[in-house]
Amino acid sequence: MATKRVLFVCVHNSARSQIAEAFLNSLAGDGFEVMSAGLEPGVINPLAVEVMKEVGIDIARKQTKSVFDLFKKGELFSYVISVCDEASSEMCPVFPQLLAKQIHWSFDDPSAFTGTYEERLAKTRVLRDAIKARIEKWLEGLSRADQDTVG
């Protein structure tokens, strides 16, 4: 089976897309080459780093990347999955590649979470778990589709 290239995109590439990239790498193994990028790359959200560390995945040294830089390099992907929330979906970058299957999953932006540190951390845990569940569901769907096309 050929390696599927997946790009997760969001506005800042600081939390949602980084979490999604890390989970797909962790859950799917060698069948995927996974990247993430953003429209306005910033720095990794410390809440995202902390909640991922809680599940044994270290994203502390990850660097944010620009969607435009990947486009300029001529990167090609099988799937481009945007993970912006509905409120900012018009800002969420679309990777302009005709061959890629474009998918949108709406997730809240942890940089907009309010409350105490513990409250924001709890909301980020909910986000982390929702992203993991969505990736697991997506992988199940891909697996069934692959089985349907075999002999």
Protein backbone atom coordinates (compact mmCIF):
# COMPACT_ATOMS: atom_id res chain seq x y z
CA MET A 1 0.00 0.00 0.00
CA ALA A 2 1.33 3.43 -0.94
CA THR A 3 2.05 5.94 1.80
CA LYS A 4 -0.71 8.52 2.14
CA ARG A 5 0.50 12.10 2.68
CA VAL A 6 -1.70 14.12 5.03
CA LEU A 7 -1.54 17.82 5.82
CA PHE A 8 -3.43 19.25 8.81
CA VAL A 9 -3.99 23.00 8.54
CA CYS A 10 -5.33 25.70 10.83
CA VAL A 11 -4.74 29.39 11.35
CA HIS A 12 -1.67 29.38 13.63
CA ASN A 13 -0.35 25.79 13.50
CA SER A 14 0.08 26.11 17.26
CA ALA A 15 -2.31 23.55 18.76
CA ARG A 16 -5.10 21.81 16.79
CA SER A 17 -3.10 20.91 13.70
CA GLN A 18 -0.06 19.98 15.82
CA ILE A 19 -2.20 17.69 18.03
CA ALA A 20 -3.78 16.11 14.95
CA GLU A 21 -0.38 15.55 13.32
CA ALA A 22 1.00 13.94 16.48
CA PHE A 23 -2.01 11.65 16.93
CA LEU A 24 -2.09 10.49 13.31
CA ASN A 25 1.64 9.73 13.49
CA SER A 26 1.07 7.84 16.75
CA LEU A 27 -2.04 5.91 15.67
CA ALA A 28 -1.38 5.13 12.02
CA GLY A 29 2.26 4.13 11.84
CA ASP A 30 4.12 3.86 8.56
CA GLY A 31 1.11 4.10 6.25
CA PHE A 32 1.10 7.89 6.47
CA GLU A 33 3.47 10.80 6.09
CA VAL A 34 1.95 13.58 8.18
CA MET A 35 2.62 17.32 8.37
CA SER A 36 0.85 20.36 9.75
CA ALA A 37 0.95 24.03 8.83
CA GLY A 38 -0.87 27.31 9.31
CA LEU A 39 -1.80 30.57 7.65
CA GLU A 40 -0.13 32.67 10.36
CA PRO A 41 2.34 30.32 12.09
CA GLY A 42 3.24 31.34 15.61
CA VAL A 43 4.58 29.35 18.54
CA ILE A 44 3.36 26.06 19.94
CA ASN A 45 0.60 26.60 22.50
CA PRO A 46 1.91 25.54 25.95
CA LEU A 47 -1.50 24.11 26.86
CA ALA A 48 -1.30 21.81 23.84
CA VAL A 49 2.20 20.74 24.85
CA GLU A 50 1.03 19.94 28.37
CA VAL A 51 -2.06 17.92 27.42
CA MET A 52 -0.15 15.92 24.83
CA LYS A 53 2.57 15.16 27.38
CA GLU A 54 -0.19 13.73 29.59
CA VAL A 55 -0.84 11.05 26.94
CA GLY A 56 2.85 10.36 26.34
CA ILE A 57 3.38 12.46 23.21
CA ASP A 58 5.98 15.24 23.26
CA ILE A 59 5.31 18.13 20.87
CA ALA A 60 7.38 20.68 22.80
CA ARG A 61 10.11 20.88 20.15
CA LYS A 62 7.77 21.06 17.18
CA GLN A 63 8.15 24.12 14.96
CA THR A 64 5.20 25.83 13.36
CA LYS A 65 5.15 25.88 9.56
CA SER A 66 3.54 28.06 6.93
CA VAL A 67 1.05 26.65 4.44
CA PHE A 68 2.47 29.07 1.88
CA ASP A 69 6.00 27.69 2.33
CA LEU A 70 4.75 24.14 1.70
CA PHE A 71 2.84 25.34 -1.36
CA LYS A 72 5.92 27.13 -2.72
CA LYS A 73 7.97 23.94 -2.27
CA GLY A 74 5.45 22.07 -4.41
CA GLU A 75 4.44 19.65 -1.64
CA LEU A 76 1.68 17.24 -2.69
CA PHE A 77 -0.77 15.55 -0.33
CA SER A 78 -3.40 12.83 -0.51
CA TYR A 79 -5.53 14.59 2.12
CA VAL A 80 -5.63 18.18 3.35
CA ILE A 81 -7.62 18.37 6.58
CA SER A 82 -8.48 21.77 8.04
CA VAL A 83 -9.13 21.78 11.78
CA CYS A 84 -10.34 25.38 12.28
CA ASP A 85 -13.49 26.19 14.23
CA GLU A 86 -16.60 27.29 12.37
CA ALA A 87 -16.27 30.88 13.61
CA SER A 88 -12.90 31.33 11.92
CA SER A 89 -13.35 28.87 9.06
CA GLU A 90 -13.16 31.69 6.51
CA MET A 91 -9.60 32.38 7.74
CA CYS A 92 -8.64 28.71 7.79
CA PRO A 93 -6.20 28.09 4.99
CA VAL A 94 -7.10 25.89 2.08
CA PHE A 95 -4.17 24.16 0.46
CA PRO A 96 -4.57 24.83 -3.27
CA GLN A 97 -3.90 21.37 -4.60
CA LEU A 98 -6.44 19.81 -6.91
CA LEU A 99 -5.36 16.21 -6.34
CA ALA A 100 -5.80 16.28 -2.56
CA LYS A 101 -9.04 15.31 -0.92
CA GLN A 102 -10.09 18.37 1.12
CA ILE A 103 -11.72 17.64 4.50
CA HIS A 104 -12.87 20.05 7.23
CA TRP A 105 -13.17 19.14 10.92
CA SER A 106 -14.32 21.95 13.20
CA PHE A 107 -12.48 22.25 16.51
CA ASP A 108 -12.44 25.16 18.94
CA ASP A 109 -9.27 27.27 19.05
CA PRO A 110 -7.54 26.83 22.42
CA SER A 111 -5.97 30.29 22.12
CA ALA A 112 -9.51 31.64 22.57
CA PHE A 113 -10.24 29.61 25.72
CA THR A 114 -10.98 31.75 28.76
CA GLY A 115 -10.90 31.16 32.49
CA THR A 116 -8.21 30.16 34.92
CA TYR A 117 -5.19 28.20 33.77
CA GLU A 118 -6.80 24.99 35.09
CA GLU A 119 -10.07 25.74 33.27
CA ARG A 120 -8.25 26.41 29.99
CA LEU A 121 -6.19 23.24 30.51
CA ALA A 122 -9.38 21.22 31.06
CA LYS A 123 -10.89 22.64 27.84
CA THR A 124 -7.69 21.75 25.97
CA ARG A 125 -7.92 18.17 27.27
CA VAL A 126 -11.45 17.95 25.87
CA LEU A 127 -10.14 19.29 22.54
CA ARG A 128 -7.25 16.78 22.55
CA ASP A 129 -9.62 13.88 23.16
CA ALA A 130 -12.04 15.08 20.46
CA ILE A 131 -9.23 15.31 17.90
CA LYS A 132 -7.99 11.82 18.79
CA ALA A 133 -11.51 10.37 18.51
CA ARG A 134 -12.04 12.06 15.12
CA ILE A 135 -8.77 10.68 13.77
CA GLU A 136 -9.64 7.18 15.02
CA LYS A 137 -13.04 7.40 13.31
CA TRP A 138 -11.43 8.66 10.10
CA LEU A 139 -8.86 5.83 10.13
CA GLU A 140 -11.65 3.28 10.60
CA GLY A 141 -13.43 4.73 7.57
CA LEU A 142 -10.25 4.56 5.48
CA SER A 143 -9.66 0.98 6.57
CA ARG A 144 -13.19 -0.04 5.55
CA ALA A 145 -12.80 1.76 2.21
CA ASP A 146 -9.52 -0.08 1.57
CA GLN A 147 -11.18 -3.40 2.40
CA ASP A 148 -14.05 -2.61 0.05
CA THR A 149 -11.64 -2.10 -2.85
CA VAL A 150 -9.73 -5.36 -2.31
CA GLY A 151 -10.66 -8.27 -4.57
